[in-house]
N, C-alpha and C. Protein backbone atom coordinates (compact mmCIF):
# COMPACT_ATOMS: atom_id res chain seq x y z
N MET A 1 104.53 116.26 119.68
CA MET A 1 103.13 116.98 119.25
C MET A 1 102.63 115.80 119.57
N ASP A 2 101.54 115.81 120.57
CA ASP A 2 100.53 114.56 120.80
C ASP A 2 99.23 115.47 120.31
N ILE A 3 98.67 115.61 119.11
CA ILE A 3 97.58 115.92 118.80
C ILE A 3 96.56 114.97 119.20
N LYS A 4 95.56 115.66 119.90
CA LYS A 4 94.14 114.82 120.09
C LYS A 4 92.78 114.79 119.73
N ALA A 5 92.97 116.07 118.88
CA ALA A 5 91.76 116.38 118.29
C ALA A 5 92.21 117.47 116.92
N ILE A 6 91.49 116.74 115.93
CA ILE A 6 91.50 117.52 114.64
C ILE A 6 90.38 117.77 114.06
N TRP A 7 89.86 119.35 114.21
CA TRP A 7 88.98 119.63 113.71
C TRP A 7 89.05 120.00 111.79
N ILE A 8 88.20 119.18 111.11
CA ILE A 8 88.41 119.56 109.83
C ILE A 8 87.28 120.45 109.85
N THR A 9 87.08 121.50 108.82
CA THR A 9 86.36 122.58 108.97
C THR A 9 86.50 123.42 107.52
N GLY A 10 85.23 123.49 106.73
CA GLY A 10 85.26 124.09 105.45
C GLY A 10 84.03 124.19 104.52
N LEU A 11 83.44 124.55 103.81
CA LEU A 11 81.97 124.97 103.38
C LEU A 11 81.72 123.17 102.71
N PRO A 12 80.31 122.63 102.69
CA PRO A 12 79.74 121.71 102.10
C PRO A 12 80.33 121.44 100.79
N GLY A 13 81.05 120.50 100.68
CA GLY A 13 81.52 120.14 99.76
C GLY A 13 83.15 120.47 98.90
N SER A 14 83.68 121.03 100.47
CA SER A 14 85.05 121.12 100.46
C SER A 14 85.80 119.89 100.62
N GLY A 15 85.69 119.28 100.91
CA GLY A 15 86.32 117.78 101.30
C GLY A 15 86.72 117.25 102.18
N LYS A 16 85.96 118.10 103.38
CA LYS A 16 85.91 117.25 104.61
C LYS A 16 86.06 115.80 104.58
N SER A 17 84.89 114.99 104.50
CA SER A 17 85.21 113.63 104.66
C SER A 17 86.47 112.83 103.87
N THR A 18 86.20 113.38 102.40
CA THR A 18 87.49 112.81 101.90
C THR A 18 88.69 112.84 102.90
N VAL A 19 89.03 114.02 103.06
CA VAL A 19 90.49 114.23 103.58
C VAL A 19 90.24 113.77 104.96
N ALA A 20 89.61 113.49 105.54
CA ALA A 20 89.45 112.71 107.20
C ALA A 20 89.67 111.25 106.69
N ASP A 21 88.73 110.68 105.70
CA ASP A 21 89.37 109.18 105.57
C ASP A 21 90.95 109.10 104.82
N ALA A 22 91.49 110.12 104.18
CA ALA A 22 92.85 109.86 103.66
C ALA A 22 93.57 109.98 105.36
N LEU A 23 92.92 110.97 105.83
CA LEU A 23 94.01 111.35 107.09
C LEU A 23 94.06 110.01 107.70
N ASN A 24 92.91 109.47 107.73
CA ASN A 24 92.62 108.30 109.07
C ASN A 24 93.70 107.12 108.47
N GLU A 25 93.66 106.78 107.09
CA GLU A 25 94.67 105.62 106.56
C GLU A 25 95.73 106.08 106.99
N LEU A 26 96.39 107.18 107.04
CA LEU A 26 97.70 107.42 107.51
C LEU A 26 97.77 107.58 109.36
N HIS A 27 97.04 107.40 109.85
CA HIS A 27 96.50 107.55 111.40
C HIS A 27 95.49 106.89 111.40
N PRO A 28 95.29 105.61 111.56
CA PRO A 28 94.36 104.59 112.03
C PRO A 28 94.27 105.08 113.50
N GLU A 29 94.69 105.10 113.95
CA GLU A 29 94.49 105.40 115.82
C GLU A 29 93.62 106.47 115.87
N PHE A 30 93.01 107.28 114.76
CA PHE A 30 92.27 108.65 115.03
C PHE A 30 90.76 107.95 114.69
N VAL A 31 89.75 108.65 115.76
CA VAL A 31 88.80 107.85 115.35
C VAL A 31 88.01 109.29 114.80
N ILE A 32 87.10 108.75 113.65
CA ILE A 32 86.36 109.94 112.71
C ILE A 32 85.14 110.22 113.58
N LEU A 33 84.84 111.42 113.94
CA LEU A 33 83.52 111.96 114.24
C LEU A 33 82.57 112.32 113.33
N ARG A 34 81.67 112.04 112.57
CA ARG A 34 81.23 112.61 111.33
C ARG A 34 79.93 113.29 111.83
N MET A 35 80.09 114.77 111.61
CA MET A 35 78.58 115.69 112.09
C MET A 35 77.18 114.94 111.34
N ASP A 36 77.65 114.80 109.78
CA ASP A 36 76.21 113.74 109.00
C ASP A 36 75.91 112.66 110.03
N ASP A 37 76.27 111.50 110.31
CA ASP A 37 76.13 110.95 111.23
C ASP A 37 75.59 110.90 112.25
N LEU A 38 76.54 111.83 113.25
CA LEU A 38 75.75 112.35 114.41
C LEU A 38 74.46 113.23 114.35
N ARG A 39 74.08 113.68 113.35
CA ARG A 39 73.04 114.13 113.44
C ARG A 39 71.54 113.58 112.85
N LYS A 40 71.84 112.06 112.05
CA LYS A 40 71.14 111.10 112.37
C LYS A 40 70.31 110.75 113.07
N VAL A 41 71.37 110.60 114.19
CA VAL A 41 70.80 110.14 115.70
C VAL A 41 69.91 111.00 116.56
N VAL A 42 71.01 112.38 116.68
CA VAL A 42 70.36 113.53 117.48
C VAL A 42 69.09 114.16 116.95
N THR A 43 68.82 114.55 115.31
CA THR A 43 68.01 115.26 115.01
C THR A 43 67.51 114.62 114.00
N PRO A 44 66.88 113.48 113.75
CA PRO A 44 66.64 112.31 112.80
C PRO A 44 65.80 112.69 111.66
N GLU A 45 65.06 114.10 111.89
CA GLU A 45 64.33 115.11 110.84
C GLU A 45 64.78 116.30 110.82
N PRO A 46 66.02 116.96 110.41
CA PRO A 46 66.62 118.08 110.79
C PRO A 46 66.01 118.99 110.07
N SER A 47 65.78 120.23 110.91
CA SER A 47 65.02 121.48 110.55
C SER A 47 66.28 122.31 110.46
N TYR A 48 67.82 122.08 111.03
CA TYR A 48 68.61 122.97 110.71
C TYR A 48 68.55 124.36 111.17
N SER A 49 67.52 124.30 112.35
CA SER A 49 67.38 125.91 112.73
C SER A 49 68.85 126.37 113.59
N GLU A 50 68.98 127.09 114.22
CA GLU A 50 70.16 127.38 114.97
C GLU A 50 70.08 126.75 116.39
N ALA A 51 68.95 126.82 116.78
CA ALA A 51 69.08 126.05 118.10
C ALA A 51 69.30 124.51 118.31
N GLU A 52 68.83 124.07 116.82
CA GLU A 52 69.28 122.56 116.69
C GLU A 52 70.82 122.67 116.26
N ARG A 53 71.56 123.44 115.67
CA ARG A 53 72.68 123.67 115.46
C ARG A 53 73.22 123.34 116.41
N ASP A 54 73.01 124.35 117.62
CA ASP A 54 73.77 124.65 118.57
C ASP A 54 73.93 123.39 119.33
N LEU A 55 73.13 122.85 119.17
CA LEU A 55 72.80 121.56 120.15
C LEU A 55 73.93 120.39 119.37
N VAL A 56 73.81 120.04 118.22
CA VAL A 56 74.52 118.89 117.44
C VAL A 56 75.78 119.38 117.42
N TYR A 57 76.08 120.75 117.16
CA TYR A 57 77.42 121.01 117.22
C TYR A 57 78.40 121.11 118.69
N ARG A 58 77.35 121.01 119.75
CA ARG A 58 77.73 121.12 121.02
C ARG A 58 77.84 119.90 121.59
N SER A 59 77.33 118.54 121.05
CA SER A 59 77.39 117.42 121.43
C SER A 59 78.41 116.41 120.66
N ILE A 60 79.01 117.33 119.63
CA ILE A 60 80.25 117.02 118.78
C ILE A 60 81.28 117.11 119.14
N VAL A 61 80.99 118.06 120.01
CA VAL A 61 82.56 119.08 120.92
C VAL A 61 82.76 118.31 122.21
N TYR A 62 81.22 118.01 122.68
CA TYR A 62 81.27 117.14 123.81
C TYR A 62 81.75 115.70 123.53
N LEU A 63 81.75 114.83 122.74
CA LEU A 63 81.60 113.88 122.55
C LEU A 63 83.24 113.49 122.30
N ALA A 64 83.94 114.57 121.49
CA ALA A 64 85.41 114.86 120.94
C ALA A 64 85.83 115.05 122.50
N LYS A 65 85.47 115.58 122.95
CA LYS A 65 86.36 115.74 124.70
C LYS A 65 86.41 115.08 125.51
N ARG A 66 85.33 114.18 125.49
CA ARG A 66 85.05 112.70 126.30
C ARG A 66 85.90 111.75 125.69
N LEU A 67 86.08 111.68 123.96
CA LEU A 67 86.68 110.44 123.78
C LEU A 67 88.22 111.24 124.20
N SER A 68 88.46 111.96 124.11
CA SER A 68 90.37 112.47 124.02
C SER A 68 90.52 112.30 125.33
N GLU A 69 89.51 112.59 126.28
CA GLU A 69 89.91 112.08 127.76
C GLU A 69 90.26 111.02 127.83
N LEU A 70 89.67 110.01 127.42
CA LEU A 70 89.78 108.74 127.20
C LEU A 70 90.97 107.95 126.62
N GLY A 71 91.77 108.42 125.83
CA GLY A 71 93.48 108.53 125.53
C GLY A 71 92.87 108.33 124.05
N HIS A 72 91.82 108.67 123.17
CA HIS A 72 91.25 108.17 121.92
C HIS A 72 91.75 109.87 120.95
N HIS A 73 92.49 109.36 119.73
CA HIS A 73 92.58 110.78 118.66
C HIS A 73 91.53 111.03 118.38
N VAL A 74 90.99 112.28 118.05
CA VAL A 74 89.54 112.15 117.39
C VAL A 74 89.71 113.45 115.99
N ILE A 75 88.88 112.78 114.66
CA ILE A 75 89.14 113.95 113.69
C ILE A 75 87.76 114.20 114.13
N ILE A 76 87.31 115.71 114.10
CA ILE A 76 85.79 116.03 113.80
C ILE A 76 85.74 116.55 112.37
N ASP A 77 84.48 115.88 111.80
CA ASP A 77 84.72 116.08 110.30
C ASP A 77 83.17 116.79 110.08
N ALA A 78 83.16 118.29 110.17
CA ALA A 78 82.32 118.86 110.62
C ALA A 78 82.28 120.28 110.21
N THR A 79 81.69 120.97 109.52
CA THR A 79 81.79 122.13 108.64
C THR A 79 81.53 123.42 109.64
N GLY A 80 80.84 123.10 110.94
CA GLY A 80 81.04 124.10 112.15
C GLY A 80 80.99 125.30 111.63
N ASN A 81 79.77 125.94 111.04
CA ASN A 81 79.98 127.30 110.10
C ASN A 81 80.43 128.48 110.76
N LEU A 82 80.04 128.29 112.52
CA LEU A 82 80.19 129.52 113.31
C LEU A 82 81.57 129.04 114.22
N ARG A 83 82.38 129.94 114.06
CA ARG A 83 83.47 130.38 115.09
C ARG A 83 83.42 129.68 116.64
N ARG A 84 82.09 130.12 116.92
CA ARG A 84 81.85 129.77 118.33
C ARG A 84 82.00 128.15 118.64
N TRP A 85 81.67 127.25 117.78
CA TRP A 85 81.86 126.31 118.26
C TRP A 85 83.52 125.74 117.84
N ARG A 86 83.91 125.76 116.86
CA ARG A 86 85.55 125.04 117.11
C ARG A 86 85.86 126.11 118.57
N ASP A 87 85.66 127.24 118.58
CA ASP A 87 86.45 128.01 119.70
C ASP A 87 86.42 126.89 121.23
N LEU A 88 85.15 126.72 120.88
CA LEU A 88 84.45 125.65 122.66
C LEU A 88 85.81 124.32 122.48
N ALA A 89 85.29 123.70 121.26
CA ALA A 89 86.17 122.25 121.67
C ALA A 89 87.88 122.85 121.35
N ARG A 90 88.17 123.90 121.19
CA ARG A 90 89.77 124.72 121.31
C ARG A 90 89.48 124.64 122.89
N LYS A 91 88.96 125.60 123.39
CA LYS A 91 88.56 125.51 125.03
C LYS A 91 88.69 124.66 126.11
N LEU A 92 87.86 123.24 125.68
CA LEU A 92 87.90 122.03 126.43
C LEU A 92 88.67 121.42 126.02
N ILE A 93 89.21 120.94 125.01
CA ILE A 93 90.08 120.09 124.60
C ILE A 93 91.56 120.11 124.18
N PRO A 94 92.67 119.97 125.07
CA PRO A 94 94.01 120.34 124.96
C PRO A 94 94.54 119.35 123.90
N GLU A 95 95.24 120.05 123.03
CA GLU A 95 96.30 119.55 121.97
C GLU A 95 95.01 119.48 120.93
N TYR A 96 94.49 120.64 120.69
CA TYR A 96 93.34 120.59 119.91
C TYR A 96 93.95 121.19 118.44
N ILE A 97 93.67 120.80 117.39
CA ILE A 97 94.09 121.71 115.90
C ILE A 97 92.34 121.65 115.34
N GLU A 98 93.05 122.95 114.43
CA GLU A 98 91.61 123.59 113.37
C GLU A 98 92.42 123.48 112.17
N VAL A 99 91.91 122.73 110.54
CA VAL A 99 92.67 122.27 109.40
C VAL A 99 91.25 122.93 108.77
N TYR A 100 91.55 123.79 108.02
CA TYR A 100 90.50 124.34 107.29
C TYR A 100 91.12 124.27 106.11
N LEU A 101 89.79 123.82 105.43
CA LEU A 101 89.60 123.33 103.80
C LEU A 101 89.05 124.71 103.19
N LYS A 102 89.76 125.32 102.42
CA LYS A 102 89.57 126.59 101.93
C LYS A 102 88.90 126.47 100.86
N CYS A 103 87.93 126.65 100.66
CA CYS A 103 87.48 125.96 98.89
C CYS A 103 86.20 127.28 98.76
N SER A 104 86.31 127.82 97.30
CA SER A 104 85.19 128.30 96.69
C SER A 104 83.93 127.77 96.40
N LEU A 105 83.17 128.96 96.82
CA LEU A 105 81.10 127.81 96.93
C LEU A 105 80.95 127.27 95.38
N ASP A 106 81.69 128.27 94.51
CA ASP A 106 81.05 127.37 92.89
C ASP A 106 82.15 126.18 93.14
N VAL A 107 83.49 125.82 93.49
CA VAL A 107 83.66 124.64 93.46
C VAL A 107 83.01 123.58 94.40
N CYS A 108 82.93 123.87 95.72
CA CYS A 108 82.08 123.16 96.64
C CYS A 108 80.82 122.80 96.12
N SER A 109 80.10 123.48 95.38
CA SER A 109 78.86 123.47 95.04
C SER A 109 78.81 122.21 93.81
N LYS A 110 80.00 122.56 92.87
CA LYS A 110 80.38 121.83 91.69
C LYS A 110 80.41 120.04 92.15
N ARG A 111 81.24 120.10 93.43
CA ARG A 111 81.58 118.73 93.81
C ARG A 111 80.51 118.04 94.24
N GLU A 112 79.96 118.95 94.93
CA GLU A 112 78.43 118.28 96.07
C GLU A 112 77.75 117.61 94.95
N MET A 113 77.53 118.58 93.61
CA MET A 113 76.49 118.11 92.49
C MET A 113 76.81 116.78 91.67
N ALA A 114 78.24 116.46 91.88
CA ALA A 114 78.95 115.62 91.28
C ALA A 114 79.52 114.09 91.96
N ARG A 115 79.01 114.53 93.42
CA ARG A 115 79.63 113.48 94.04
C ARG A 115 78.63 111.62 94.33
N VAL A 116 79.47 111.46 94.28
CA VAL A 116 78.32 109.99 94.32
C VAL A 116 78.26 109.27 95.58
N ASP A 117 79.64 108.83 96.34
CA ASP A 117 79.68 108.86 97.84
C ASP A 117 79.50 109.97 98.63
N THR A 118 78.39 110.09 99.15
CA THR A 118 78.21 111.56 100.44
C THR A 118 78.77 111.22 101.73
N HIS A 119 79.36 110.76 102.00
CA HIS A 119 79.49 110.37 103.26
C HIS A 119 78.42 110.39 104.29
N ALA A 120 77.21 109.70 104.14
CA ALA A 120 76.00 110.00 104.59
C ALA A 120 75.71 111.42 104.77
N ALA A 121 76.36 112.56 104.22
CA ALA A 121 75.85 113.99 103.81
C ALA A 121 74.47 113.98 103.05
N PRO A 122 73.51 114.91 103.67
CA PRO A 122 72.48 115.08 102.68
C PRO A 122 72.62 115.70 101.15
N ARG A 123 71.67 114.85 100.41
CA ARG A 123 71.99 115.14 98.82
C ARG A 123 71.58 116.65 98.48
N ASP A 124 72.03 116.94 97.43
CA ASP A 124 71.68 118.45 96.78
C ASP A 124 71.60 119.32 97.79
N ILE A 125 72.72 119.22 98.37
CA ILE A 125 72.70 120.67 99.72
C ILE A 125 72.97 122.34 98.91
N TYR A 126 73.27 122.23 97.96
CA TYR A 126 73.28 123.85 96.86
C TYR A 126 72.15 123.84 96.22
N LYS A 127 71.42 122.78 95.69
CA LYS A 127 70.42 123.01 95.25
C LYS A 127 69.18 123.47 96.00
N LYS A 128 68.80 122.84 97.74
CA LYS A 128 68.44 123.16 98.20
C LYS A 128 68.92 124.72 98.78
N GLY A 129 69.89 125.08 99.11
CA GLY A 129 70.19 126.09 99.67
C GLY A 129 69.22 127.45 98.48
N ALA A 130 69.98 127.20 96.99
CA ALA A 130 68.99 127.95 96.21
C ALA A 130 67.69 128.29 96.39
N GLU A 131 67.20 127.55 96.93
CA GLU A 131 65.70 127.03 97.04
C GLU A 131 65.04 128.15 98.35
N GLY A 132 66.17 128.61 99.46
CA GLY A 132 66.13 129.22 100.53
C GLY A 132 66.40 128.21 101.75
N TRP A 133 67.03 127.30 101.71
CA TRP A 133 67.30 126.37 103.12
C TRP A 133 68.61 126.92 103.66
N PRO A 134 68.87 127.11 104.45
CA PRO A 134 69.48 127.32 105.31
C PRO A 134 71.36 126.34 105.43
N VAL A 135 71.50 126.61 104.41
CA VAL A 135 73.09 126.53 103.84
C VAL A 135 74.16 127.18 104.37
N PRO A 136 75.14 126.84 104.99
CA PRO A 136 76.34 127.92 105.10
C PRO A 136 77.17 128.20 104.14
N GLY A 137 77.26 129.45 104.13
CA GLY A 137 77.66 130.07 102.74
C GLY A 137 76.62 130.55 101.86
N VAL A 138 75.76 130.05 101.61
CA VAL A 138 74.58 130.52 100.97
C VAL A 138 73.78 131.11 101.88
N HIS A 139 72.93 130.76 102.88
CA HIS A 139 72.07 131.73 103.76
C HIS A 139 72.23 131.82 104.80
N VAL A 140 73.10 130.78 105.18
CA VAL A 140 73.56 131.34 106.84
C VAL A 140 75.25 131.28 106.89
N PRO A 141 75.75 132.42 107.97
CA PRO A 141 76.67 132.65 107.36
C PRO A 141 78.18 130.97 107.22
N TYR A 142 79.04 131.30 106.98
CA TYR A 142 80.19 130.30 107.09
C TYR A 142 81.44 131.55 107.66
N GLU A 143 81.70 131.64 108.97
CA GLU A 143 82.73 132.25 109.49
C GLU A 143 84.03 131.39 109.39
N GLU A 144 84.88 132.11 108.78
CA GLU A 144 86.43 131.65 108.48
C GLU A 144 86.90 131.12 109.80
N PRO A 145 87.81 130.32 109.71
CA PRO A 145 88.63 130.38 111.29
C PRO A 145 89.87 131.78 110.96
N VAL A 146 89.89 132.27 112.33
CA VAL A 146 90.76 133.16 112.46
C VAL A 146 92.12 132.92 112.31
N ASN A 147 92.53 131.78 113.14
CA ASN A 147 94.22 131.78 113.19
C ASN A 147 93.84 129.77 113.42
N PRO A 148 93.75 129.13 111.90
CA PRO A 148 93.90 127.66 112.17
C PRO A 148 95.29 127.45 111.61
N GLU A 149 95.56 126.07 112.74
CA GLU A 149 96.94 125.58 112.69
C GLU A 149 97.22 125.22 111.11
N ILE A 150 96.18 125.02 110.30
CA ILE A 150 96.71 124.70 108.71
C ILE A 150 95.56 124.90 108.00
N VAL A 151 96.11 125.73 106.97
CA VAL A 151 94.90 126.50 105.96
C VAL A 151 95.52 125.32 104.77
N ILE A 152 94.18 124.71 103.93
CA ILE A 152 94.81 124.13 102.72
C ILE A 152 93.78 124.62 101.59
N ASP A 153 94.41 125.27 100.39
CA ASP A 153 93.79 125.22 99.43
C ASP A 153 92.95 124.22 98.65
N ALA A 154 91.80 123.99 99.30
CA ALA A 154 91.06 122.81 98.56
C ALA A 154 90.40 122.74 97.20
N ASP A 155 90.39 124.15 96.62
CA ASP A 155 90.26 124.49 95.07
C ASP A 155 91.68 123.57 94.60
N GLN A 156 92.52 123.54 95.35
CA GLN A 156 93.82 123.22 94.44
C GLN A 156 94.86 122.04 94.64
N THR A 157 94.48 121.65 96.13
CA THR A 157 95.25 120.73 96.49
C THR A 157 94.28 119.23 96.18
N SER A 158 95.33 118.04 95.95
CA SER A 158 94.73 117.07 95.78
C SER A 158 94.23 116.61 97.40
N ILE A 159 93.84 114.97 97.29
CA ILE A 159 92.90 114.76 98.83
C ILE A 159 94.12 114.08 99.03
N LYS A 160 95.02 113.56 98.95
CA LYS A 160 96.43 113.02 98.83
C LYS A 160 97.05 113.95 99.76
N ASP A 161 97.31 114.88 98.70
CA ASP A 161 98.39 116.27 99.06
C ASP A 161 98.26 116.64 100.41
N ALA A 162 96.27 117.09 100.59
CA ALA A 162 95.61 117.67 101.52
C ALA A 162 96.01 116.54 102.95
N ALA A 163 95.85 115.03 102.81
CA ALA A 163 96.46 114.59 104.15
C ALA A 163 97.77 114.41 104.34
N GLY A 164 98.69 114.96 103.26
CA GLY A 164 100.00 115.00 103.13
C GLY A 164 100.46 115.83 104.48
N ILE A 165 99.76 117.01 103.93
CA ILE A 165 99.99 118.47 104.79
C ILE A 165 99.79 118.38 106.04
N ILE A 166 98.59 117.88 106.65
CA ILE A 166 98.29 117.75 107.57
C ILE A 166 98.85 116.53 108.50
N ASP A 167 99.52 114.96 107.96
CA ASP A 167 100.86 114.14 108.20
C ASP A 167 101.70 115.31 108.71
N ARG A 168 102.53 115.56 108.02
CA ARG A 168 103.49 116.92 108.29
C ARG A 168 103.37 117.41 109.57
N TYR A 169 102.32 117.95 109.79
CA TYR A 169 102.24 118.43 110.94
C TYR A 169 102.02 117.83 112.13
N LEU A 170 101.46 116.82 111.84
CA LEU A 170 101.47 115.37 113.16
C LEU A 170 102.92 114.90 113.56
N LYS A 171 103.40 115.19 112.62
CA LYS A 171 104.64 114.54 112.66
C LYS A 171 106.03 115.22 113.10
N ARG A 172 105.82 116.86 113.43
CA ARG A 172 106.68 117.94 113.30
C ARG A 172 106.97 117.93 115.24
């Protein structure tokens, strides 16, 4: 199986960027597309409105599609809180898989508050969510994947083991 694109999805703080980095160490042929990096270019002063989210998620899907058409392998490191964006990627990108880092809101919040390297993610996400900001899983929905190829219990699984699970899937 020659996977062209992997979307690593999960709540903020579930470990998406760290797992993407660990997987990239095993598979340096993959290009990581980070939503946090893209957002800084597309929406330098983000409002996180529904229209803005739609724009940035459609942009990352298009970028992943074009890169895969050019022969690159892509890891999409993005919450993708609504299924429609992940479904769009599945529709447009052949050899696409979805990896769901299933992690409790409590654990995600604790990780987010404790992390030093944010991989360009905004800081204090859950603190802002408590103040009413539109944070997935807090004030805006996070729609869990219906049929992801891989589900990883990110509450209990180490980063190394998570990357290993994805690696074994890619090698089968």
